[in-house]
Protein backbone atom coordinates (compact mmCIF):
# COMPACT_ATOMS: atom_id res chain seq x y z
CA MET A 1 -17.73 -41.92 5.31
CA THR A 2 -20.91 -40.64 3.64
CA GLU A 3 -24.14 -40.02 5.46
CA GLU A 4 -27.54 -41.15 4.27
CA ASN A 5 -29.90 -38.24 3.70
CA GLU A 6 -33.67 -38.16 3.96
CA SER A 7 -34.14 -39.62 0.47
CA GLY A 8 -31.84 -42.57 1.20
CA ASP A 9 -29.13 -41.42 -1.24
CA ARG A 10 -25.94 -42.82 0.30
CA GLN A 11 -23.77 -40.85 -2.17
CA PHE A 12 -25.09 -37.57 -0.76
CA VAL A 13 -22.88 -36.03 1.95
CA THR A 14 -25.25 -34.15 4.22
CA ALA A 15 -22.53 -32.40 6.23
CA LEU A 16 -21.00 -30.97 3.05
CA ALA A 17 -24.39 -29.79 1.80
CA ARG A 18 -25.07 -28.07 5.10
CA GLY A 19 -21.70 -26.32 4.97
CA LEU A 20 -22.48 -25.05 1.48
CA ASP A 21 -25.85 -23.88 2.71
CA ILE A 22 -24.07 -21.77 5.34
CA LEU A 23 -21.83 -20.14 2.74
CA SER A 24 -24.71 -19.49 0.35
CA CYS A 25 -26.61 -17.58 3.05
CA TYR A 26 -24.51 -14.50 2.33
CA LYS A 27 -26.29 -12.15 -0.04
CA LYS A 28 -25.51 -8.73 -1.40
CA GLY A 29 -25.34 -6.25 1.46
CA ASP A 30 -24.51 -8.89 4.06
CA ARG A 31 -21.19 -8.51 5.80
CA PHE A 32 -21.36 -10.31 9.13
CA LEU A 33 -23.96 -12.92 10.09
CA SER A 34 -24.47 -14.51 13.50
CA ASN A 35 -25.05 -18.20 14.20
CA GLN A 36 -28.60 -17.29 15.14
CA GLU A 37 -29.24 -15.58 11.80
CA LEU A 38 -27.56 -18.41 9.89
CA ALA A 39 -29.76 -20.89 11.73
CA ARG A 40 -32.83 -18.86 10.79
CA ARG A 41 -31.86 -18.69 7.13
CA THR A 42 -30.91 -22.35 6.78
CA GLY A 43 -33.54 -23.86 9.08
CA LEU A 44 -30.80 -25.82 10.85
CA ALA A 45 -30.53 -26.18 14.61
CA ARG A 46 -28.26 -23.60 16.19
CA PRO A 47 -25.85 -26.20 17.68
CA THR A 48 -25.45 -27.65 14.19
CA VAL A 49 -24.78 -24.20 12.77
CA SER A 50 -22.22 -23.52 15.50
CA ARG A 51 -20.29 -26.66 14.56
CA LEU A 52 -20.45 -25.78 10.87
CA THR A 53 -19.25 -22.20 11.32
CA TYR A 54 -16.46 -23.42 13.60
CA THR A 55 -15.35 -25.89 10.92
CA LEU A 56 -15.60 -23.33 8.09
CA THR A 57 -13.51 -20.93 10.16
CA LYS A 58 -10.87 -23.62 10.63
CA THR A 59 -10.83 -24.32 6.88
CA GLY A 60 -10.45 -20.61 6.15
CA HIS A 61 -13.79 -20.09 4.38
CA LEU A 62 -15.27 -17.93 7.15
CA ILE A 63 -13.71 -15.26 9.33
CA ARG A 64 -15.00 -14.72 12.86
CA ASP A 65 -15.08 -11.23 14.34
CA GLU A 66 -13.54 -11.45 17.81
CA ASN A 67 -15.73 -8.68 19.20
CA SER A 68 -19.20 -9.61 17.93
CA GLY A 69 -18.66 -13.34 17.40
CA GLU A 70 -20.29 -13.03 13.96
CA TYR A 71 -18.92 -14.43 10.71
CA ARG A 72 -18.16 -13.16 7.24
CA LEU A 73 -16.98 -14.83 4.04
CA SER A 74 -13.22 -14.94 3.54
CA PRO A 75 -11.28 -14.45 0.29
CA LYS A 76 -10.72 -18.21 0.20
CA ALA A 77 -14.38 -18.60 -0.74
CA LEU A 78 -13.47 -17.03 -4.11
CA ARG A 79 -11.86 -20.29 -5.10
CA LEU A 80 -15.19 -22.06 -4.70
CA GLY A 81 -16.98 -19.51 -6.83
CA PHE A 82 -19.07 -17.98 -4.05
CA SER A 83 -19.96 -14.31 -4.10
CA VAL A 84 -17.48 -13.05 -1.54
CA LEU A 85 -17.39 -9.78 -3.47
CA ALA A 86 -21.00 -9.19 -2.47
CA ALA A 87 -19.75 -8.95 1.10
CA VAL A 88 -16.96 -6.55 0.18
CA ASP A 89 -18.50 -3.41 -1.27
CA ILE A 90 -15.17 -1.59 -1.18
CA SER A 91 -14.32 -2.95 -4.64
CA GLU A 92 -17.29 -1.04 -6.05
CA ARG A 93 -16.59 2.10 -4.05
CA PHE A 94 -12.95 2.08 -5.12
CA ALA A 95 -13.76 1.49 -8.79
CA LEU A 96 -13.42 5.13 -9.90
CA ASP A 97 -10.14 5.53 -8.04
CA MET A 98 -8.82 2.35 -9.66
CA GLN A 99 -9.74 3.72 -13.07
CA ALA A 100 -8.03 7.01 -12.32
CA LEU A 101 -4.86 5.23 -11.24
CA SER A 102 -4.86 3.03 -14.33
CA LYS A 103 -5.21 6.08 -16.59
CA GLY A 104 -1.97 7.63 -15.41
CA PRO A 105 0.94 8.43 -17.72
CA ASN A 106 1.95 4.80 -18.28
CA PRO A 107 -0.59 2.72 -20.26
CA TYR A 108 0.92 -0.58 -19.11
CA VAL A 109 0.12 -0.47 -15.40
CA THR A 110 -2.29 -2.76 -13.59
CA VAL A 111 -4.26 -1.67 -10.51
CA ALA A 112 -5.56 -4.21 -8.01
CA LEU A 113 -7.29 -4.58 -4.65
CA ALA A 114 -6.54 -7.56 -2.40
CA GLU A 115 -7.20 -9.03 1.03
CA GLN A 116 -5.08 -11.40 3.09
CA SER A 117 -5.89 -15.11 3.20
CA GLY A 118 -3.35 -17.15 5.11
CA THR A 119 0.10 -16.33 3.72
CA ARG A 120 -1.35 -15.00 0.47
CA ALA A 121 -2.99 -11.83 -0.80
CA VAL A 122 -6.09 -12.64 -2.85
CA TYR A 123 -7.20 -10.23 -5.57
CA LEU A 124 -10.75 -8.98 -5.05
CA ALA A 125 -10.62 -6.61 -8.02
CA ALA A 126 -8.13 -6.00 -10.81
CA LEU A 127 -8.06 -3.44 -13.59
CA ARG A 128 -5.66 -4.16 -16.42
CA SER A 129 -4.59 -1.71 -19.05
CA HIS A 130 -5.90 -2.29 -22.55
CA GLN A 131 -2.42 -2.54 -23.95
CA ALA A 132 -1.27 -5.82 -25.42
CA ILE A 133 1.51 -6.08 -22.84
CA SER A 134 0.42 -6.03 -19.19
CA LEU A 135 0.59 -8.17 -16.09
CA SER A 136 -1.59 -11.26 -16.31
CA VAL A 137 -3.68 -10.93 -13.15
CA SER A 138 -7.33 -11.51 -12.39
CA VAL A 139 -9.80 -11.71 -9.53
CA GLY A 140 -8.91 -14.67 -7.32
CA ALA A 141 -5.18 -14.51 -8.08
CA ARG A 142 -3.07 -15.34 -5.01
CA LEU A 143 0.21 -13.50 -4.39
CA PRO A 144 2.73 -14.21 -1.62
CA LEU A 145 2.45 -11.74 1.25
CA PHE A 146 6.20 -11.55 1.84
CA TYR A 147 7.39 -10.87 -1.70
CA SER A 148 4.63 -8.96 -3.51
CA ALA A 149 4.06 -5.23 -2.96
CA ILE A 150 0.38 -5.74 -2.19
CA GLY A 151 1.18 -8.47 0.31
CA ARG A 152 3.84 -6.36 1.98
CA ALA A 153 1.40 -3.44 2.29
CA ILE A 154 -1.01 -5.70 4.15
CA LEU A 155 1.79 -7.00 6.39
CA ALA A 156 3.01 -3.48 7.17
CA ALA A 157 -0.40 -2.38 8.44
CA MET A 158 -1.00 -5.47 10.61
CA SER A 159 -0.49 -5.46 14.35
CA GLU A 160 2.93 -6.70 15.37
CA ALA A 161 1.39 -9.78 16.99
CA LYS A 162 -0.60 -10.76 13.91
CA ARG A 163 2.37 -10.15 11.62
CA ALA A 164 4.45 -12.47 13.82
CA ARG A 165 1.77 -15.17 13.58
CA ILE A 166 1.61 -14.88 9.79
CA LEU A 167 5.40 -15.02 9.53
CA ALA A 168 5.47 -18.13 11.73
CA GLN A 169 2.82 -19.71 9.50
CA GLY A 170 4.87 -18.92 6.41
CA ILE A 171 7.97 -20.45 7.94
CA ARG A 172 6.04 -23.62 8.76
CA GLU A 173 4.81 -23.82 5.18
CA PHE A 174 8.16 -22.99 3.55
CA PRO A 175 10.98 -23.53 6.08
CA GLY A 176 13.64 -23.17 3.42
CA GLN A 177 12.55 -19.57 2.71
CA ARG A 178 12.72 -18.29 6.29
CA GLU A 179 15.45 -15.71 5.72
CA ARG A 180 13.78 -14.45 2.55
CA MET A 181 10.42 -14.06 4.30
CA GLU A 182 11.97 -12.30 7.28
CA GLN A 183 13.74 -9.92 4.89
CA GLY A 184 10.42 -9.33 3.13
CA VAL A 185 8.86 -8.21 6.41
CA ARG A 186 11.78 -5.88 7.13
CA ASP A 187 11.53 -4.40 3.63
CA ALA A 188 7.79 -3.90 4.06
CA LEU A 189 8.16 -2.02 7.34
CA ARG A 190 11.06 0.07 6.01
CA ASP A 191 9.21 1.09 2.85
CA TYR A 192 5.98 1.86 4.69
CA ALA A 193 7.82 4.10 7.16
CA THR A 194 9.70 5.83 4.34
CA TYR A 195 7.08 6.24 1.61
CA GLY A 196 3.69 5.44 3.11
CA TYR A 197 3.51 2.49 0.71
CA CYS A 198 5.49 -0.69 0.04
CA THR A 199 7.52 -1.75 -2.98
CA SER A 200 8.40 -4.92 -4.81
CA PHE A 201 10.85 -4.36 -7.63
CA GLY A 202 11.54 -7.86 -8.89
CA SER A 203 11.15 -9.35 -5.40
CA TRP A 204 8.14 -11.47 -6.34
CA LYS A 205 8.88 -12.00 -10.03
CA PRO A 206 11.88 -10.55 -11.87
CA GLU A 207 9.58 -9.27 -14.60
CA SER A 208 7.28 -7.38 -12.21
CA ASN A 209 7.57 -3.98 -10.51
CA ALA A 210 4.89 -2.66 -8.16
CA ILE A 211 4.04 -0.38 -5.26
CA ALA A 212 1.11 -0.88 -2.88
CA ALA A 213 -0.48 0.74 0.16
CA PRO A 214 -2.81 -0.60 2.87
CA LEU A 215 -6.44 0.37 3.26
CA ILE A 216 -8.25 -0.36 6.53
CA SER A 217 -12.04 -0.46 6.88
CA ALA A 218 -13.63 2.05 9.23
CA ASP A 219 -14.66 -0.64 11.71
CA GLY A 220 -11.10 -1.97 11.76
CA THR A 221 -12.14 -5.51 10.87
CA THR A 222 -10.78 -5.67 7.33
CA LEU A 223 -7.36 -4.85 5.91
CA TYR A 224 -6.86 -4.45 2.17
CA GLY A 225 -3.92 -3.74 -0.10
CA VAL A 226 -4.07 -1.50 -3.18
CA ASN A 227 -1.47 -2.16 -5.87
CA VAL A 228 -0.11 -0.34 -8.91
CA GLY A 229 2.40 -2.20 -11.04
CA GLY A 230 3.41 -3.57 -14.39
CA PRO A 231 6.09 -5.35 -16.45
CA SER A 232 9.53 -4.32 -15.25
CA PHE A 233 10.77 -3.49 -18.75
CA LEU A 234 7.90 -1.01 -19.21
CA VAL A 235 7.16 0.22 -15.69
CA THR A 236 10.25 1.41 -13.81
CA PRO A 237 10.75 1.86 -10.06
CA GLU A 238 11.49 5.55 -10.68
CA GLU A 239 8.17 6.10 -12.46
CA LEU A 240 6.25 4.23 -9.80
CA HIS A 241 7.82 6.39 -7.10
CA THR A 242 7.52 9.75 -8.85
CA GLU A 243 4.28 9.38 -10.82
CA TYR A 244 2.22 6.71 -9.08
CA GLY A 245 3.29 6.94 -5.45
CA PRO A 246 1.58 10.32 -4.92
CA ARG A 247 -1.42 9.20 -7.00
CA LEU A 248 -1.82 6.07 -4.91
CA LEU A 249 -1.68 7.93 -1.61
CA ASP A 250 -4.08 10.60 -2.91
CA ALA A 251 -6.53 7.89 -4.03
CA LEU A 252 -6.52 6.29 -0.59
CA ALA A 253 -6.99 9.66 1.08
CA ASP A 254 -9.82 10.42 -1.31
CA ILE A 255 -11.78 7.25 -0.67
CA GLY A 256 -11.45 7.76 3.08
CA PRO A 257 -12.61 5.29 5.76
CA GLN A 258 -14.79 2.49 4.46
């Protein structure tokens, strides 16, 4: 049921407009904002802001920090066209390392940076090769956590409790794929313990090979995945292991804590 706003326009949904106002408060350089600061920026009463941030957290558009109680934009906001990247400066700081990885010996690789959203990994940045044949990926693309290398890297670096919650969520969403998802988690943990990164050689798509490693922010609030991959008929598992595995780990060591 719509609400009537101050101008008497019964087609105008005030609650929706206020929720969008909350999301649009985030500017470049902002990471976390409190209810008090959101109330100041929007001019809304703090109890109203509290209800809005609670709702936006439930819908997955905001993420609440358990320690400070403040909020940041989630990757899901990408799908609405909001500037979540302004709140994630790591994509800019990792740009040179992404370019270096993409300029390795194989011109057909794609390098990407992603963050978890529900049971998906959402691309925050992607650098494709300039060759005619490459993986078709772009910012905002959503990959399954359990089958993609970048998703598995994120899973491997999670706490055991959080990983169990995400697995349970995936099983609720896709009960028929339980065994496959459970195997994906086992593969992720095995690879991470063995190589320091995770693999997906045809596990997500038969035509795709990739490796990926996790990257955790210095404050421990954000977990990313960094991926190197390409078409399976041009980018082999052997090359990813021998040529790009060390490059990937060196790049993560080079960028250091964020």
